[in-house]
Structure formats: structure tokens, C-alpha cells
Amino acid sequence: MQITMTKPFSFFASCILFSFFFIAGCGGSSGDQQTTHEESNRVEVFSWWTSGSEAAALEAVFEAYRDQYPDVEVINAAVAGGGGSAARPVLQTRLVGNNPPDTWQTHPGADIMSQYVAPGFVEPLDDLYQAEGWYEVFPQPLLDMVSQDGVPYLVILNLHRSNTLWYNKPLLESHKITIGEALSHDELFALADQLQAAGVTPLCMGDAGIWATGIMFENTLVGVIGAERYLGLWDGSTSFEDADVKQAMTTYGRLLDYLNNDHAALSWDQAVDKLIEGDCAFYSMGDWVYGELMQANLEDNVDFGWVAHPGSDDAFLMVSDGFTLAKGAPHPDHTRNMLRVMGQKETQEAFNLDKGSICARTDCDRTRFGPYLNWAMDTYEQATLVPTVIHGSAAPADFQQALNDALTAFVVDRNVDTFAQTLAREARMSGFGG
């Protein structure tokens, strides 16, 4: 409840009000004990899931929790802003101020390890993994990404494929364009020129948050230099100043020429709306797009189609979300129960059907998922898994910020040499660049 004061309190009135609450707080009545009990029966879940599909998916988790723990209040502390752009600073302020939420959303890899495990903000979860049998149902590569010295610190909810190119199928068909099982950049450019000549915006984008165009950059980078060379960027065996990396930057710069004019004013999900409405034809974005398409009651392979981002068919640029147990969590028992529910098979199925992702568990029922998500499951099993900077798994937070800053400059000046030199320098400063 929010109290709005139309006139300022006088000092005298404030003292009376303070005295009233002080006396009531010290009275020790049965009513006070009941209030304290009610306040302790809650769990606060912090995330940045606020779009239509994200909110529905998160609510599926909360519903599963309420079914099992009906007396506990769930506090949804979501902060709007794609990729956690607004949520992360709020969370960091709370953590350093010793006011943590019970649990918060983060990513496997560098994100969880450097941001939260190393500073001691989270508790280990090996006892929960052992009790729930999760060591047997979560794939080892994921376990490795959430563990330090074999001890896990994150309950993983989902797996997204970031390098997906979506398209409005009826719009393309109206221009006699059919997309096969794969697409090259040259083929995409040819189609983009054809569509642009016909008055159609070729590429959708909503990059009011720079991370969204960063996704297209990462997708292009993997598509041009390949999964193995891309992995080399994070161990120093590939340099951001290498010729093929610069070629990827040039290709990315060319893609920027085909975007909708209002891209900088739109969020990522507003760009999905433009794709749905036929205001643009393609969208290079992770498969959280699929959740929005499902929210709009669209049908796979009828209203929309997809391929891997050009050149990246053999790579699975992985984005995974999970939740922590805060060190000093205000409600640790309720939080452990929330994490327990998040790891359950039924919860993961319900969540991922809304979210547009696949289960982190390996034993989910594939028949519950549609054509796109089954395609994603197949490619996850076959493709090379590669991490993402934009979502924090490939590199430390300082390089993630440096990439965002460099992208912001490149979108304006298109200077490939400066872009490459900046990223190479920042990689060395972060300790992994060659």
C-alpha cells in the first residue's frame, strides 16, 4: 500500500506518530506476534522478467510454489528492462547494502561466479542438488558452469538459443520468398535488398537497450568466424583484431543498414510486435521471441518461421537463467523451497512452455513442446555450445560493459578498426585477450 501525503507533517505530528508506533511495537500483544509471523511467511524473488511471456512464465513458477506452500506469500520483485539492464544496478545496491532479496535471477558462467560467488553474496546448493537428485538430470556442462570446486550455486530453469533468425512467413510469401533450412549472409542481404525495394523493412530491432543489438552482433560474429574461433576469443587464441573478426564487424555494420527507423526507441518485445504485424520481415534475436509469439496465439511454421542466424547452424549460442540463495537471505527456508520447486520437472515444463525456452533438465516431456522448441532441443544436442557476453556467461562484467559501450559507438560511427582495437584492448585488460 502506498501512502500519499498531500501536506507535510509537522515535527510535533511526526513525534506523536513515532510514539504511537513505538508503543504498539513494544506492546507484545498476540496481534503483534501474528503480524511478525505473517511477515516471516514470505519469499522475495528478484528478476527482470516483465514482458508478456516472461511474466506468464514467472507466474507459472509462482503458481507451482503456491500449490505446494499455500501459506507463504510470494513477493515478485521484478524490475523492467531487457537483459537486466535496469535490474542489475538495483540488485547490486541491495547486495552491498546488506539488504538482499531472498533469491535473484542470474546466468551460469562468469555472471554467477564473478558477480556473486567470488564476493560471497550466495550460499552453496550442493545439499539441495543431492537431495533432489539434480546431479543426474542436469547436463554436466551446465553443472560445470554453475559450480565452483564441484559445488553448485545456481538452480537452472531454462536454456535459450540466442542465435535464431525469425521471420514473418505470410509477409515473405506475399513477396514470393521461401526460406529453406539455412540461410547465408549473402542470401539474407539479397532478400533484404529485394524487400527494401518493395517498401518493406527487412530487419526488425528494438535496441532501446543496447544489449539487443549486441545479440545480433554476437550472432553475426559466431556466423562469420565459426564456433571454435568464437570460443577462442575467451581464451586468447582468437584476437578481436583478426581479419575474420573484422569481417564479422563489417557484416554486422551492413545489417544495421536494414533496420526499422524507430529501432532505438523500441524495446526488444516491441520489435516482436512489429514482426507480428508485418512491419518488418526478419528479427535476429534469442528464442525468448518465441514466448511472445505464443502469447499472441501464433502457429509455428504458419504465422512465423525460423532458421539459425546466417552461418551459425552448427553453434548453439546459449543463454540460461537460474536463481540463487542469498547469503543472509531473510527467509532461507522458504527460499530453499522456492528453488526446490524451480528445479522440479513439472515446473520446468510449465515455465518453458511460456518462456519460449527448453528445460534445463534432460527428462522433460518433449511431446508437450511445439515444433520450434523441439528443433531447439535437437540443435542443443548436436551443436557446439558457445557462451554469450551479452548475457554474462563468456566474459567478466567489466568486458560486458566495455562491449556495450563499444557497440554504442560503432552503431553511430561504423569504424571497424576502432571497434576491433577497443575490444582487443578491453579483453587484455579483463585478463583473457591474446
Protein backbone atom coordinates (compact mmCIF):
# COMPACT_ATOMS: atom_id res chain seq x y z
CA MET A 1 0.00 0.00 0.00
CA GLN A 2 1.32 3.46 -0.90
CA ILE A 3 0.51 6.42 1.36
CA THR A 4 0.48 9.81 -0.33
CA MET A 5 0.76 12.86 1.91
CA THR A 6 -0.84 15.98 0.49
CA LYS A 7 0.62 18.25 3.21
CA PRO A 8 3.94 18.00 5.04
CA PHE A 9 3.85 16.63 8.58
CA SER A 10 4.74 19.00 11.36
CA PHE A 11 7.56 17.93 13.67
CA PHE A 12 5.03 17.58 16.52
CA ALA A 13 2.73 15.34 14.49
CA SER A 14 5.68 13.22 13.43
CA CYS A 15 6.69 12.72 17.07
CA ILE A 16 3.17 11.63 18.02
CA LEU A 17 3.09 9.15 15.14
CA PHE A 18 6.53 7.79 16.06
CA SER A 19 5.45 7.40 19.70
CA PHE A 20 2.33 5.53 18.65
CA PHE A 21 4.26 3.02 16.55
CA PHE A 22 6.94 2.62 19.22
CA ILE A 23 4.36 1.80 21.90
CA ALA A 24 2.45 -0.53 19.59
CA GLY A 25 5.70 -2.26 18.61
CA CYS A 26 6.71 -2.87 22.22
CA GLY A 27 3.31 -4.00 23.46
CA GLY A 28 3.95 -7.70 22.93
CA SER A 29 0.29 -8.41 22.18
CA SER A 30 -0.91 -11.55 20.44
CA GLY A 31 -1.85 -9.35 17.48
CA ASP A 32 1.77 -8.20 17.17
CA GLN A 33 3.04 -11.78 17.27
CA GLN A 34 0.63 -12.64 14.47
CA THR A 35 1.90 -9.76 12.34
CA THR A 36 5.51 -10.86 12.85
CA HIS A 37 4.60 -14.40 11.85
CA GLU A 38 2.84 -13.21 8.71
CA GLU A 39 5.79 -11.05 7.72
CA SER A 40 8.14 -14.01 8.02
CA ASN A 41 5.95 -16.19 5.79
CA ARG A 42 7.15 -14.77 2.53
CA VAL A 43 9.81 -15.17 -0.11
CA GLU A 44 11.11 -12.40 -2.39
CA VAL A 45 12.06 -13.31 -5.96
CA PHE A 46 14.06 -10.69 -7.87
CA SER A 47 14.22 -10.78 -11.68
CA TRP A 48 13.84 -8.66 -14.82
CA TRP A 49 11.05 -10.72 -16.36
CA THR A 50 8.24 -8.30 -17.14
CA SER A 51 7.25 -8.77 -20.81
CA GLY A 52 4.07 -10.71 -21.55
CA SER A 53 5.67 -14.12 -21.99
CA GLU A 54 8.26 -13.55 -19.25
CA ALA A 55 5.63 -12.55 -16.70
CA ALA A 56 3.46 -15.53 -17.63
CA ALA A 57 6.41 -17.92 -17.28
CA LEU A 58 7.39 -16.50 -13.91
CA GLU A 59 3.80 -16.73 -12.72
CA ALA A 60 3.81 -20.43 -13.69
CA VAL A 61 6.66 -20.91 -11.19
CA PHE A 62 4.81 -18.96 -8.52
CA GLU A 63 1.65 -20.99 -9.07
CA ALA A 64 3.59 -24.22 -8.66
CA TYR A 65 5.08 -22.86 -5.44
CA ARG A 66 1.73 -21.71 -4.07
CA ASP A 67 0.23 -25.13 -4.76
CA GLN A 68 2.84 -26.70 -2.51
CA TYR A 69 3.26 -23.88 0.03
CA PRO A 70 -0.08 -22.02 0.13
CA ASP A 71 0.66 -20.18 3.38
CA VAL A 72 3.74 -18.39 2.05
CA GLU A 73 3.41 -15.05 0.27
CA VAL A 74 5.47 -14.69 -2.92
CA ILE A 75 6.90 -11.22 -3.48
CA ASN A 76 7.53 -10.59 -7.19
CA ALA A 77 10.34 -8.01 -7.15
CA ALA A 78 10.80 -7.85 -10.94
CA VAL A 79 12.42 -4.72 -12.37
CA ALA A 80 11.59 -3.95 -16.00
CA GLY A 81 14.41 -3.70 -18.52
CA GLY A 82 15.54 -6.30 -21.05
CA GLY A 83 18.66 -8.27 -20.21
CA GLY A 84 18.62 -6.96 -16.66
CA SER A 85 19.85 -3.52 -17.73
CA ALA A 86 17.81 -1.76 -15.05
CA ALA A 87 17.61 -4.62 -12.53
CA ARG A 88 21.32 -5.29 -12.09
CA PRO A 89 22.22 -1.87 -10.61
CA VAL A 90 19.27 -2.14 -8.20
CA LEU A 91 20.38 -5.60 -7.14
CA GLN A 92 23.99 -4.55 -6.67
CA THR A 93 22.93 -1.66 -4.46
CA ARG A 94 20.89 -4.01 -2.32
CA LEU A 95 23.70 -6.54 -2.02
CA VAL A 96 26.38 -4.09 -0.98
CA GLY A 97 23.88 -2.53 1.41
CA ASN A 98 23.30 -5.91 3.09
CA ASN A 99 19.66 -5.91 2.01
CA PRO A 100 19.49 -8.88 -0.38
CA PRO A 101 16.35 -10.34 -1.90
CA ASP A 102 15.91 -13.98 -0.96
CA THR A 103 16.76 -15.11 -4.49
CA TRP A 104 17.57 -13.42 -7.77
CA GLN A 105 17.92 -14.20 -11.45
CA THR A 106 21.36 -14.56 -12.96
CA HIS A 107 23.22 -16.58 -15.59
CA PRO A 108 25.66 -19.52 -15.44
CA GLY A 109 29.33 -18.96 -16.11
CA ALA A 110 31.16 -15.71 -15.50
CA ASP A 111 27.99 -13.96 -14.32
CA ILE A 112 27.27 -16.13 -11.28
CA MET A 113 30.93 -16.81 -10.49
CA SER A 114 32.46 -13.34 -10.71
CA GLN A 115 29.47 -11.28 -9.64
CA TYR A 116 28.06 -13.32 -6.78
CA VAL A 117 30.15 -16.36 -5.79
CA ALA A 118 33.51 -14.59 -5.58
CA PRO A 119 32.22 -11.70 -3.42
CA GLY A 120 30.38 -14.15 -1.16
CA PHE A 121 26.83 -13.00 -1.89
CA VAL A 122 25.36 -16.51 -2.34
CA GLU A 123 25.11 -19.82 -0.48
CA PRO A 124 26.13 -23.22 -1.91
CA LEU A 125 23.33 -25.51 -3.03
CA ASP A 126 25.02 -28.93 -3.08
CA ASP A 127 22.72 -30.29 -0.36
CA LEU A 128 19.66 -29.34 -2.43
CA TYR A 129 21.11 -30.85 -5.60
CA GLN A 130 21.91 -34.05 -3.70
CA ALA A 131 18.51 -34.32 -2.02
CA GLU A 132 16.58 -33.67 -5.25
CA GLY A 133 18.71 -35.90 -7.48
CA TRP A 134 19.61 -32.99 -9.75
CA TYR A 135 23.15 -34.19 -10.41
CA GLU A 136 21.54 -36.91 -12.53
CA VAL A 137 19.08 -34.72 -14.51
CA PHE A 138 21.05 -31.53 -15.27
CA PRO A 139 23.68 -31.93 -18.02
CA GLN A 140 27.28 -31.86 -16.85
CA PRO A 141 28.31 -28.84 -18.98
CA LEU A 142 25.63 -26.79 -17.22
CA LEU A 143 26.62 -28.12 -13.81
CA ASP A 144 30.19 -27.07 -14.53
CA MET A 145 29.03 -23.54 -15.38
CA VAL A 146 27.21 -23.07 -12.07
CA SER A 147 29.75 -24.80 -9.82
CA GLN A 148 32.99 -23.92 -8.08
CA ASP A 149 35.12 -26.84 -6.92
CA GLY A 150 32.19 -29.11 -7.75
CA VAL A 151 29.72 -27.17 -5.57
CA PRO A 152 26.71 -25.62 -7.41
CA TYR A 153 25.41 -22.14 -6.58
CA LEU A 154 22.50 -21.79 -9.00
CA VAL A 155 19.28 -23.66 -9.79
CA ILE A 156 18.94 -23.59 -13.58
CA LEU A 157 15.47 -23.06 -15.03
CA ASN A 158 15.90 -22.98 -18.78
CA LEU A 159 18.02 -22.94 -21.93
CA HIS A 160 17.60 -20.35 -24.69
CA ARG A 161 19.19 -20.34 -28.12
CA SER A 162 20.27 -16.79 -28.83
CA ASN A 163 21.35 -17.19 -32.47
CA THR A 164 17.92 -17.53 -34.09
CA LEU A 165 16.64 -15.60 -37.12
CA TRP A 166 12.86 -15.26 -37.04
CA TYR A 167 10.70 -14.27 -39.98
CA ASN A 168 7.11 -13.36 -40.77
CA LYS A 169 6.16 -16.19 -43.07
CA PRO A 170 2.98 -14.74 -44.66
CA LEU A 171 4.81 -11.48 -45.38
CA LEU A 172 7.65 -13.27 -47.15
CA GLU A 173 5.24 -15.50 -49.06
CA SER A 174 3.40 -12.41 -50.30
CA HIS A 175 6.70 -11.41 -51.90
CA LYS A 176 7.26 -14.93 -53.25
CA ILE A 177 10.12 -15.59 -50.81
CA THR A 178 10.61 -19.06 -49.35
CA ILE A 179 13.22 -19.77 -46.70
CA GLY A 180 14.96 -23.14 -46.62
CA GLU A 181 16.61 -24.88 -43.68
CA ALA A 182 19.57 -22.48 -43.63
CA LEU A 183 20.49 -19.02 -44.83
CA SER A 184 23.83 -17.34 -45.58
CA HIS A 185 24.57 -13.67 -45.01
CA ASP A 186 24.81 -13.10 -48.76
CA GLU A 187 21.38 -14.67 -49.22
CA LEU A 188 19.97 -12.55 -46.41
CA PHE A 189 21.42 -9.38 -47.93
CA ALA A 190 19.92 -10.24 -51.32
CA LEU A 191 16.50 -10.78 -49.72
CA ALA A 192 16.87 -7.59 -47.71
CA ASP A 193 17.57 -5.60 -50.88
CA GLN A 194 14.54 -7.17 -52.56
CA LEU A 195 12.27 -6.36 -49.63
CA GLN A 196 13.63 -2.84 -49.25
CA ALA A 197 12.98 -2.17 -52.94
CA ALA A 198 9.40 -3.28 -52.37
CA GLY A 199 8.97 -0.86 -49.46
CA VAL A 200 9.32 -3.48 -46.70
CA THR A 201 11.69 -3.01 -43.75
CA PRO A 202 13.97 -6.07 -43.89
CA LEU A 203 15.15 -6.34 -40.27
CA CYS A 204 13.31 -5.74 -37.00
CA MET A 205 15.15 -4.36 -34.00
CA GLY A 206 14.26 -2.87 -30.64
CA ASP A 207 17.50 -1.72 -29.08
CA ALA A 208 16.42 0.95 -26.63
CA GLY A 209 18.68 -1.25 -24.50
CA ILE A 210 21.99 -1.70 -26.37
CA TRP A 211 22.08 -5.39 -25.39
CA ALA A 212 19.50 -6.17 -28.10
CA THR A 213 21.68 -5.09 -30.99
CA GLY A 214 24.52 -6.78 -29.10
CA ILE A 215 22.66 -10.06 -29.59
CA MET A 216 22.70 -9.51 -33.36
CA PHE A 217 26.41 -8.71 -33.17
CA GLU A 218 27.21 -11.91 -31.27
CA ASN A 219 25.04 -13.92 -33.67
CA THR A 220 26.89 -12.39 -36.63
CA LEU A 221 30.27 -12.99 -35.01
CA VAL A 222 29.54 -16.70 -34.50
CA GLY A 223 28.08 -16.94 -38.01
CA VAL A 224 31.14 -15.44 -39.69
CA ILE A 225 34.09 -16.86 -37.71
CA GLY A 226 32.52 -20.14 -36.55
CA ALA A 227 32.02 -21.67 -33.13
CA GLU A 228 35.62 -22.73 -32.49
CA ARG A 229 37.13 -19.36 -33.43
CA TYR A 230 34.44 -17.66 -31.36
CA LEU A 231 35.35 -19.77 -28.34
CA GLY A 232 38.94 -18.70 -28.90
CA LEU A 233 38.02 -15.10 -28.16
CA TRP A 234 37.59 -16.07 -24.50
CA ASP A 235 40.87 -17.95 -24.08
CA GLY A 236 43.05 -15.61 -26.11
CA SER A 237 43.62 -17.90 -29.09
CA THR A 238 41.49 -15.60 -31.28
CA SER A 239 42.02 -11.84 -31.29
CA PHE A 240 39.34 -9.21 -31.86
CA GLU A 241 41.77 -7.68 -34.35
CA ASP A 242 41.95 -10.81 -36.50
CA ALA A 243 40.82 -10.40 -40.12
CA ASP A 244 37.81 -12.71 -39.84
CA VAL A 245 36.59 -10.94 -36.69
CA LYS A 246 36.82 -7.62 -38.51
CA GLN A 247 34.87 -9.18 -41.38
CA ALA A 248 32.16 -10.10 -38.89
CA MET A 249 32.09 -6.49 -37.69
CA THR A 250 31.75 -5.29 -41.28
CA THR A 251 28.89 -7.73 -41.87
CA TYR A 252 27.18 -6.58 -38.68
CA GLY A 253 27.54 -2.96 -39.80
CA ARG A 254 25.84 -3.81 -43.06
CA LEU A 255 22.95 -5.48 -41.23
CA LEU A 256 22.40 -2.25 -39.30
CA ASP A 257 21.51 -0.53 -42.58
CA TYR A 258 18.35 -2.63 -42.91
CA LEU A 259 16.74 -1.88 -39.52
CA ASN A 260 13.42 -0.18 -38.84
CA ASN A 261 13.88 3.58 -38.40
CA ASP A 262 12.44 3.59 -34.87
CA HIS A 263 14.63 0.77 -33.53
CA ALA A 264 16.36 2.93 -30.90
CA ALA A 265 13.01 3.86 -29.36
CA LEU A 266 11.69 0.30 -29.01
CA SER A 267 12.22 -2.48 -26.50
CA TRP A 268 13.03 -5.97 -27.76
CA ASP A 269 9.44 -7.17 -27.30
CA GLN A 270 8.02 -4.13 -29.10
CA ALA A 271 10.18 -5.20 -32.03
CA VAL A 272 8.47 -8.60 -31.83
CA ASP A 273 5.16 -6.77 -32.23
CA LYS A 274 6.47 -5.19 -35.43
CA LEU A 275 7.45 -8.64 -36.71
CA ILE A 276 3.99 -9.99 -35.89
CA GLU A 277 2.26 -7.06 -37.58
CA GLY A 278 4.35 -7.42 -40.74
CA ASP A 279 6.06 -4.06 -40.32
CA CYS A 280 9.40 -5.82 -40.82
CA ALA A 281 10.39 -9.23 -42.12
CA PHE A 282 13.27 -10.74 -40.08
CA TYR A 283 14.48 -10.50 -36.49
CA SER A 284 17.83 -11.79 -35.22
CA MET A 285 17.11 -12.41 -31.56
CA GLY A 286 17.07 -15.16 -28.96
CA ASP A 287 14.15 -17.52 -28.67
CA TRP A 288 12.51 -15.53 -25.91
CA VAL A 289 10.86 -14.16 -29.06
CA TYR A 290 9.03 -17.48 -29.29
CA GLY A 291 7.35 -16.86 -25.95
CA GLU A 292 5.94 -13.57 -27.28
CA LEU A 293 4.75 -15.31 -30.46
CA MET A 294 2.94 -17.89 -28.35
CA GLN A 295 1.37 -15.13 -26.24
CA ALA A 296 -0.03 -13.75 -29.50
CA ASN A 297 -1.54 -17.20 -30.30
CA LEU A 298 0.52 -17.63 -33.46
CA GLU A 299 1.27 -21.00 -35.02
CA ASP A 300 4.70 -22.46 -35.74
CA ASN A 301 5.52 -22.74 -39.46
CA VAL A 302 2.27 -20.96 -40.37
CA ASP A 303 2.46 -17.45 -38.97
CA PHE A 304 6.22 -17.41 -38.49
CA GLY A 305 9.32 -19.40 -39.33
CA TRP A 306 12.94 -19.55 -38.19
CA VAL A 307 16.46 -20.59 -39.09
CA ALA A 308 19.76 -20.24 -37.31
CA HIS A 309 21.29 -16.79 -37.77
CA PRO A 310 23.23 -16.95 -41.07
CA GLY A 311 26.31 -19.15 -40.84
CA SER A 312 25.69 -20.26 -37.25
CA ASP A 313 23.81 -23.52 -37.84
CA ASP A 314 26.44 -25.59 -36.02
CA ALA A 315 26.51 -23.33 -32.94
CA PHE A 316 24.11 -23.02 -30.02
CA LEU A 317 24.72 -19.60 -28.50
CA MET A 318 23.37 -20.45 -25.09
CA VAL A 319 21.53 -18.19 -22.67
CA SER A 320 20.44 -19.84 -19.45
CA ASP A 321 18.69 -18.40 -16.41
CA GLY A 322 18.78 -19.57 -12.83
CA PHE A 323 18.18 -18.45 -9.27
CA THR A 324 20.41 -18.15 -6.24
CA LEU A 325 20.11 -18.48 -2.47
CA ALA A 326 21.27 -15.20 -0.95
CA LYS A 327 23.78 -15.33 1.88
CA GLY A 328 21.82 -13.84 4.75
CA ALA A 329 18.51 -14.43 2.94
CA PRO A 330 15.68 -13.02 5.07
CA HIS A 331 13.65 -16.21 4.56
CA PRO A 332 16.13 -19.04 3.85
CA ASP A 333 13.78 -21.97 4.38
CA HIS A 334 11.10 -20.55 2.10
CA THR A 335 13.78 -19.69 -0.44
CA ARG A 336 15.12 -23.24 -0.48
CA ASN A 337 11.58 -24.45 -1.10
CA MET A 338 11.21 -21.97 -3.95
CA LEU A 339 14.43 -23.25 -5.51
CA ARG A 340 13.27 -26.83 -4.98
CA VAL A 341 10.07 -26.06 -6.90
CA MET A 342 12.03 -24.34 -9.69
CA GLY A 343 14.07 -27.48 -10.24
CA GLN A 344 11.08 -29.81 -10.46
CA LYS A 345 10.25 -31.37 -13.82
CA GLU A 346 6.63 -30.20 -13.90
CA THR A 347 7.61 -26.64 -13.04
CA GLN A 348 10.28 -26.52 -15.72
CA GLU A 349 7.85 -27.81 -18.33
CA ALA A 350 5.22 -25.20 -17.42
CA PHE A 351 7.75 -22.38 -17.22
CA ASN A 352 9.50 -23.10 -20.50
CA LEU A 353 6.28 -23.52 -22.46
CA ASP A 354 5.51 -19.88 -21.64
CA LYS A 355 9.07 -18.59 -21.78
CA GLY A 356 9.92 -19.93 -25.23
CA SER A 357 12.87 -21.97 -24.00
CA ILE A 358 13.75 -25.59 -23.34
CA CYS A 359 14.15 -27.28 -19.98
CA ALA A 360 17.49 -27.32 -18.22
CA ARG A 361 16.54 -30.81 -17.04
CA THR A 362 17.12 -33.63 -19.52
CA ASP A 363 13.96 -35.58 -18.67
CA CYS A 364 11.19 -33.15 -19.68
CA ASP A 365 8.38 -34.48 -21.88
CA ARG A 366 9.16 -33.39 -25.45
CA THR A 367 5.61 -34.09 -26.61
CA ARG A 368 4.41 -31.09 -24.62
CA PHE A 369 6.53 -28.72 -26.73
CA GLY A 370 5.84 -27.43 -30.24
CA PRO A 371 7.87 -27.64 -33.48
CA TYR A 372 10.23 -24.75 -32.73
CA LEU A 373 11.18 -25.94 -29.24
CA ASN A 374 11.71 -29.49 -30.48
CA TRP A 375 14.03 -28.03 -33.13
CA ALA A 376 15.85 -26.17 -30.38
CA MET A 377 16.18 -29.40 -28.36
CA ASP A 378 17.64 -31.20 -31.38
CA THR A 379 20.16 -28.46 -32.10
CA TYR A 380 21.14 -28.27 -28.43
CA GLU A 381 22.05 -31.95 -28.54
CA GLN A 382 24.00 -31.68 -31.81
CA ALA A 383 25.54 -28.20 -31.99
CA THR A 384 28.62 -26.72 -30.34
CA LEU A 385 27.57 -24.86 -27.20
CA VAL A 386 29.04 -21.36 -27.00
CA PRO A 387 28.64 -18.74 -24.26
CA THR A 388 27.39 -15.18 -24.56
CA VAL A 389 28.97 -11.92 -23.40
CA ILE A 390 25.70 -10.03 -23.59
CA HIS A 391 24.13 -12.33 -21.01
CA GLY A 392 27.22 -12.69 -18.88
CA SER A 393 28.45 -16.25 -19.36
CA ALA A 394 31.50 -15.72 -21.61
CA ALA A 395 33.45 -12.88 -20.00
CA PRO A 396 33.65 -10.80 -16.83
CA ALA A 397 31.23 -7.94 -16.17
CA ASP A 398 33.82 -5.26 -16.98
CA PHE A 399 34.21 -6.62 -20.52
CA GLN A 400 30.45 -6.93 -20.90
CA GLN A 401 30.15 -3.21 -20.14
CA ALA A 402 33.05 -2.42 -22.46
CA LEU A 403 31.32 -4.31 -25.27
CA ASN A 404 28.09 -2.39 -24.69
CA ASP A 405 29.99 0.90 -24.82
CA ALA A 406 31.88 -0.11 -27.96
CA LEU A 407 28.66 -1.22 -29.64
CA THR A 408 27.04 2.11 -28.83
CA ALA A 409 29.91 3.91 -30.56
CA PHE A 410 30.00 1.53 -33.54
CA VAL A 411 26.28 1.88 -34.26
CA VAL A 412 27.00 5.58 -34.82
CA ASP A 413 30.43 5.69 -36.47
CA ARG A 414 30.74 2.20 -38.12
CA ASN A 415 34.51 2.33 -37.60
CA VAL A 416 35.61 -1.32 -37.73
CA ASP A 417 39.24 -0.66 -36.81
CA THR A 418 38.32 1.34 -33.72
CA PHE A 419 35.74 -1.27 -32.72
CA ALA A 420 38.29 -4.09 -33.06
CA GLN A 421 41.07 -2.23 -31.29
CA THR A 422 38.77 -1.27 -28.41
CA LEU A 423 37.58 -4.84 -27.83
CA ALA A 424 41.10 -6.26 -28.10
CA ARG A 425 42.36 -3.76 -25.53
CA GLU A 426 39.44 -4.38 -23.17
CA ALA A 427 39.89 -8.15 -23.48
CA ARG A 428 43.53 -7.82 -22.41
CA MET A 429 42.54 -5.58 -19.51
CA SER A 430 39.98 -8.21 -18.43
CA GLY A 431 42.69 -10.85 -18.44
CA PHE A 432 41.72 -13.13 -21.32
CA GLY A 433 42.66 -11.35 -24.54
CA GLY A 434 45.55 -12.53 -26.65
